[in-house]
Protein backbone atom coordinates (compact mmCIF):
# COMPACT_ATOMS: atom_id res chain seq x y z
CA UNK A 1 1.51 17.13 -7.43
CA UNK A 2 3.95 18.23 -4.29
CA UNK A 3 5.58 15.09 -2.63
CA UNK A 4 4.32 16.75 0.77
CA UNK A 5 0.79 16.13 0.15
CA UNK A 6 1.59 12.40 -0.09
CA UNK A 7 3.40 12.55 3.05
CA UNK A 8 1.86 11.18 7.03
CA UNK A 9 0.40 9.05 8.69
CA UNK A 10 -2.46 7.60 7.35
CA UNK A 11 -6.16 5.00 8.22
CA UNK A 12 -8.46 3.02 6.85
CA UNK A 13 -9.40 0.21 4.79
CA UNK A 14 -8.22 -2.28 2.62
CA UNK A 15 -10.57 -3.85 0.36
CA UNK A 16 -11.08 -7.10 -2.76
CA UNK A 17 -10.76 -5.92 -5.61
CA UNK A 18 -11.04 -9.05 -7.18
CA UNK A 19 -14.52 -10.64 -8.11
CA UNK A 20 -14.40 -14.07 -6.19
CA UNK A 21 -12.32 -12.87 -2.70
CA UNK A 22 -10.84 -15.81 -0.96
CA UNK A 23 -13.77 -17.84 1.77
CA UNK A 24 -14.09 -16.56 5.24
CA UNK A 25 -12.10 -13.25 3.98
CA UNK A 26 -12.85 -9.81 5.69
CA UNK A 27 -13.72 -6.40 3.36
CA UNK A 28 -13.06 -3.64 4.61
CA UNK A 29 -9.19 -4.84 7.36
CA UNK A 30 -8.38 -1.72 9.26
CA UNK A 31 -4.59 -1.35 7.22
CA UNK A 32 -2.39 1.99 8.35
CA UNK A 33 0.19 3.92 5.95
CA UNK A 34 2.94 5.66 6.59
CA UNK A 35 4.45 7.49 4.13
CA UNK A 36 7.67 9.79 4.64
CA UNK A 37 9.85 11.69 2.69
CA UNK A 38 13.84 10.14 2.91
CA UNK A 39 16.87 12.18 1.21
CA UNK A 40 13.96 13.39 -1.63
CA UNK A 41 12.57 10.03 -1.54
CA UNK A 42 9.27 8.55 -0.82
CA UNK A 43 9.16 5.58 1.36
CA UNK A 44 6.31 4.19 2.91
CA UNK A 45 4.86 1.21 5.21
CA UNK A 46 1.45 -0.55 5.02
CA UNK A 47 0.49 -2.98 7.57
CA UNK A 48 -1.64 -4.98 8.43
CA UNK A 49 -0.83 -6.63 4.75
CA UNK A 50 -1.98 -9.68 3.84
CA UNK A 51 -2.67 -10.50 6.66
CA UNK A 52 1.02 -9.99 7.65
CA UNK A 53 2.13 -7.57 10.50
CA UNK A 54 5.26 -7.29 8.76
CA UNK A 55 3.19 -4.94 5.87
CA UNK A 56 4.37 -4.36 2.86
CA UNK A 57 6.31 -1.58 2.11
CA UNK A 58 8.13 1.10 -0.62
CA UNK A 59 12.16 2.96 -1.36
CA UNK A 60 10.96 4.95 -3.78
CA UNK A 61 7.51 6.00 -4.89
CA UNK A 62 7.14 8.65 -7.53
CA UNK A 63 4.22 11.29 -7.94
CA UNK A 64 3.38 10.67 -11.72
CA UNK A 65 0.47 13.71 -12.30
CA UNK A 66 -1.93 13.64 -8.92
CA UNK A 67 -0.87 9.93 -8.54
CA UNK A 68 1.85 8.52 -5.54
CA UNK A 69 3.18 5.09 -7.74
CA UNK A 70 5.25 3.28 -5.74
CA UNK A 71 6.71 -0.72 -6.08
CA UNK A 72 6.27 -2.43 -2.96
CA UNK A 73 7.33 -5.44 -1.73
CA UNK A 74 5.66 -8.10 0.68
CA UNK A 75 7.05 -9.30 4.06
CA UNK A 76 10.54 -8.23 5.51
CA UNK A 77 12.78 -7.10 2.59
CA UNK A 78 10.33 -9.24 0.31
CA UNK A 79 12.09 -12.46 0.99
CA UNK A 80 9.68 -14.94 -1.04
CA UNK A 81 9.76 -18.41 0.91
CA UNK A 82 11.53 -21.55 -0.37
CA UNK A 83 10.78 -21.99 -3.53
CA UNK A 84 8.09 -19.48 -4.09
CA UNK A 85 8.54 -16.38 -6.03
CA UNK A 86 8.61 -12.57 -4.56
CA UNK A 87 5.27 -11.59 -3.81
CA UNK A 88 5.32 -7.70 -5.47
CA UNK A 89 2.66 -5.10 -5.16
CA UNK A 90 1.79 -2.51 -7.54
CA UNK A 91 0.45 0.73 -5.35
CA UNK A 92 -1.11 3.74 -6.50
CA UNK A 93 -2.96 6.58 -4.73
CA UNK A 94 -4.43 9.97 -4.93
CA UNK A 95 -4.53 12.60 -2.88
CA UNK A 96 -7.55 15.52 -2.37
CA UNK A 97 -6.22 17.06 0.60
CA UNK A 98 -6.70 14.40 3.72
CA UNK A 99 -8.00 11.44 1.87
CA UNK A 100 -6.62 8.84 0.32
CA UNK A 101 -7.89 6.63 -2.28
CA UNK A 102 -5.51 3.84 -3.99
CA UNK A 103 -5.22 0.85 -4.99
CA UNK A 104 -2.85 -2.15 -5.40
CA UNK A 105 -1.83 -4.71 -7.56
CA UNK A 106 -0.54 -7.45 -6.30
CA UNK A 107 2.17 -10.40 -8.36
CA UNK A 108 3.32 -13.46 -6.63
CA UNK A 109 6.76 -13.55 -9.66
CA UNK A 110 5.26 -11.85 -12.89
CA UNK A 111 1.71 -14.25 -12.71
CA UNK A 112 -1.28 -11.62 -11.30
CA UNK A 113 -2.50 -12.78 -8.19
CA UNK A 114 -4.94 -10.50 -6.43
CA UNK A 115 -6.25 -6.70 -5.95
CA UNK A 116 -6.90 -4.98 -3.38
CA UNK A 117 -8.35 -0.66 -3.33
CA UNK A 118 -8.46 1.65 -0.30
CA UNK A 119 -10.10 4.17 1.30
CA UNK A 120 -7.58 6.57 3.81
CA UNK A 121 -7.29 9.55 5.52
CA UNK A 122 -4.92 11.42 7.23
CA UNK A 123 -4.40 10.84 10.52
CA UNK A 124 -4.67 13.85 12.88
CA UNK A 125 -2.84 14.84 16.17
CA UNK A 126 -4.25 15.31 19.07
CA UNK A 127 -3.27 18.03 20.98
């Protein structure tokens, strides 16, 4: 699948993909995913992510068959707070043209932490 199918601004929702989401958490949180092709590499940023406006960013997404797979970091440059392991996100997206579905498996260091699912649509420009 050509990388160009994934490039653009995608809007939709993020939902918990775990059995017991945190109390008081929102399901179907609105998110925006912007993917660009920069020098042949797919780069992207999803905002918000884990409640932070810094979002989650990846710089080297790969097309594997019909999927876009990318390892992202949360926050600014994925830096961990003092004494905490960095948050790493394994994104996977499939695309059928104007709609995209995906998942995110989130780890704190090497420990599995949580997971999300995504329903996204390509943002259309107004004329």
